[in-house]
Amino acid sequence: MSENTDTPPDRLSVDPASPYYDAEVLARNVGVRFKGEDKTNVDEYCVSEGWIRVTVGNSRDRKGNPLTMKLTGPVEPYFREG
């Protein structure tokens, strides 16, 4: 990891094709609080722009990727303990 910090990055994605994907950060078990509620289905987030992308059911697009929906609001990423 390029920086040794206890603060997750401003933007992070779980999609390996994304430029915001970081396997080392994801391995540290990143959690996301959105509007004060823990979310477990977040595919991507951006703190500075105030949005998350969440998976919508089991639906897939024509390329086989899960369908996502963009939600706006306060985003608080954190590293889970354990």
C-alpha atoms as a PDB file:
ATOM      1  CA  MET A   1       0.000   0.000   0.000  1.00  0.00           C
ATOM      2  CA  SER A   2       1.382   3.378  -0.960  1.00  0.00           C
ATOM      3  CA  GLU A   3       0.253   5.156   2.194  1.00  0.00           C
ATOM      4  CA  ASN A   4      -0.021   3.693   5.668  1.00  0.00           C
ATOM      5  CA  THR A   5      -3.104   5.331   7.159  1.00  0.00           C
ATOM      6  CA  ASP A   6      -6.249   4.490   9.075  1.00  0.00           C
ATOM      7  CA  THR A   7      -8.411   6.534   6.705  1.00  0.00           C
ATOM      8  CA  PRO A   8      -9.869   4.821   3.615  1.00  0.00           C
ATOM      9  CA  PRO A   9      -9.409   6.596   0.264  1.00  0.00           C
ATOM     10  CA  ASP A  10     -11.818   9.296  -0.957  1.00  0.00           C
ATOM     11  CA  ARG A  11     -13.053   6.994  -3.732  1.00  0.00           C
ATOM     12  CA  LEU A  12     -12.964   3.196  -3.934  1.00  0.00           C
ATOM     13  CA  SER A  13     -14.490   0.527  -6.168  1.00  0.00           C
ATOM     14  CA  VAL A  14     -14.781  -3.276  -5.851  1.00  0.00           C
ATOM     15  CA  ASP A  15     -14.652  -3.656  -9.667  1.00  0.00           C
ATOM     16  CA  PRO A  16     -11.138  -4.717 -10.811  1.00  0.00           C
ATOM     17  CA  ALA A  17     -11.734  -2.914 -14.145  1.00  0.00           C
ATOM     18  CA  SER A  18     -12.213   0.426 -12.361  1.00  0.00           C
ATOM     19  CA  PRO A  19      -9.328   2.899 -11.956  1.00  0.00           C
ATOM     20  CA  TYR A  20     -10.496   3.294  -8.310  1.00  0.00           C
ATOM     21  CA  TYR A  21      -9.990  -0.407  -7.487  1.00  0.00           C
ATOM     22  CA  ASP A  22      -7.340  -1.107  -4.807  1.00  0.00           C
ATOM     23  CA  ALA A  23      -7.002  -4.742  -3.704  1.00  0.00           C
ATOM     24  CA  GLU A  24      -4.750  -3.874  -0.747  1.00  0.00           C
ATOM     25  CA  VAL A  25      -7.256  -1.402   0.698  1.00  0.00           C
ATOM     26  CA  LEU A  26     -10.181  -3.779   0.111  1.00  0.00           C
ATOM     27  CA  ALA A  27      -8.250  -6.550   1.910  1.00  0.00           C
ATOM     28  CA  ARG A  28      -8.354  -4.351   5.033  1.00  0.00           C
ATOM     29  CA  ASN A  29     -12.160  -4.837   5.183  1.00  0.00           C
ATOM     30  CA  VAL A  30     -13.602  -1.410   4.350  1.00  0.00           C
ATOM     31  CA  GLY A  31     -17.059  -0.640   5.711  1.00  0.00           C
ATOM     32  CA  VAL A  32     -19.326   2.148   4.478  1.00  0.00           C
ATOM     33  CA  ARG A  33     -21.835   4.173   6.479  1.00  0.00           C
ATOM     34  CA  PHE A  34     -24.324   5.982   4.243  1.00  0.00           C
ATOM     35  CA  LYS A  35     -26.686   8.485   5.876  1.00  0.00           C
ATOM     36  CA  GLY A  36     -25.678   6.980   9.233  1.00  0.00           C
ATOM     37  CA  GLU A  37     -26.556   3.381   8.261  1.00  0.00           C
ATOM     38  CA  ASP A  38     -24.043   0.580   7.565  1.00  0.00           C
ATOM     39  CA  LYS A  39     -24.309  -0.703   4.000  1.00  0.00           C
ATOM     40  CA  THR A  40     -23.064  -4.112   2.860  1.00  0.00           C
ATOM     41  CA  ASN A  41     -23.935  -3.919  -0.856  1.00  0.00           C
ATOM     42  CA  VAL A  42     -21.765  -0.944  -1.882  1.00  0.00           C
ATOM     43  CA  ASP A  43     -19.883  -1.426  -5.180  1.00  0.00           C
ATOM     44  CA  GLU A  44     -18.260   2.015  -5.260  1.00  0.00           C
ATOM     45  CA  TYR A  45     -18.247   5.194  -3.195  1.00  0.00           C
ATOM     46  CA  CYS A  46     -16.959   8.755  -3.378  1.00  0.00           C
ATOM     47  CA  VAL A  47     -16.774  10.823  -0.177  1.00  0.00           C
ATOM     48  CA  SER A  48     -15.962  14.199  -1.777  1.00  0.00           C
ATOM     49  CA  GLU A  49     -18.844  13.952  -4.263  1.00  0.00           C
ATOM     50  CA  GLY A  50     -21.217  12.389  -1.679  1.00  0.00           C
ATOM     51  CA  TRP A  51     -22.489   9.250  -3.416  1.00  0.00           C
ATOM     52  CA  ILE A  52     -22.436   5.454  -3.354  1.00  0.00           C
ATOM     53  CA  ARG A  53     -23.270   2.831  -5.980  1.00  0.00           C
ATOM     54  CA  VAL A  54     -25.212  -0.153  -4.647  1.00  0.00           C
ATOM     55  CA  THR A  55     -26.082  -3.466  -6.285  1.00  0.00           C
ATOM     56  CA  VAL A  56     -29.737  -3.785  -7.277  1.00  0.00           C
ATOM     57  CA  GLY A  57     -30.953  -7.349  -6.708  1.00  0.00           C
ATOM     58  CA  ASN A  58     -29.510 -10.123  -8.858  1.00  0.00           C
ATOM     59  CA  SER A  59     -30.070  -8.339 -12.183  1.00  0.00           C
ATOM     60  CA  ARG A  60     -27.213  -8.137 -14.680  1.00  0.00           C
ATOM     61  CA  ASP A  61     -26.503  -5.839 -17.617  1.00  0.00           C
ATOM     62  CA  ARG A  62     -25.784  -7.208 -21.097  1.00  0.00           C
ATOM     63  CA  LYS A  63     -22.078  -7.562 -20.250  1.00  0.00           C
ATOM     64  CA  GLY A  64     -22.851  -9.682 -17.176  1.00  0.00           C
ATOM     65  CA  ASN A  65     -22.076  -6.974 -14.607  1.00  0.00           C
ATOM     66  CA  PRO A  66     -24.461  -6.422 -11.691  1.00  0.00           C
ATOM     67  CA  LEU A  67     -26.887  -3.531 -12.112  1.00  0.00           C
ATOM     68  CA  THR A  68     -26.179  -0.670  -9.745  1.00  0.00           C
ATOM     69  CA  MET A  69     -27.986   2.431  -8.550  1.00  0.00           C
ATOM     70  CA  LYS A  70     -26.317   5.701  -7.535  1.00  0.00           C
ATOM     71  CA  LEU A  71     -27.503   7.184  -4.223  1.00  0.00           C
ATOM     72  CA  THR A  72     -26.450  10.613  -2.949  1.00  0.00           C
ATOM     73  CA  GLY A  73     -25.864  11.616   0.655  1.00  0.00           C
ATOM     74  CA  PRO A  74     -23.165  11.680   3.338  1.00  0.00           C
ATOM     75  CA  VAL A  75     -20.644   8.829   2.949  1.00  0.00           C
ATOM     76  CA  GLU A  76     -18.397   7.648   5.803  1.00  0.00           C
ATOM     77  CA  PRO A  77     -15.929   4.851   4.908  1.00  0.00           C
ATOM     78  CA  TYR A  78     -14.048   3.121   7.733  1.00  0.00           C
ATOM     79  CA  PHE A  79     -11.889   0.078   8.370  1.00  0.00           C
ATOM     80  CA  ARG A  80     -13.749  -2.683  10.232  1.00  0.00           C
ATOM     81  CA  GLU A  81     -11.985  -4.159  13.248  1.00  0.00           C
ATOM     82  CA  GLY A  82     -10.917  -7.782  13.246  1.00  0.00           C
END
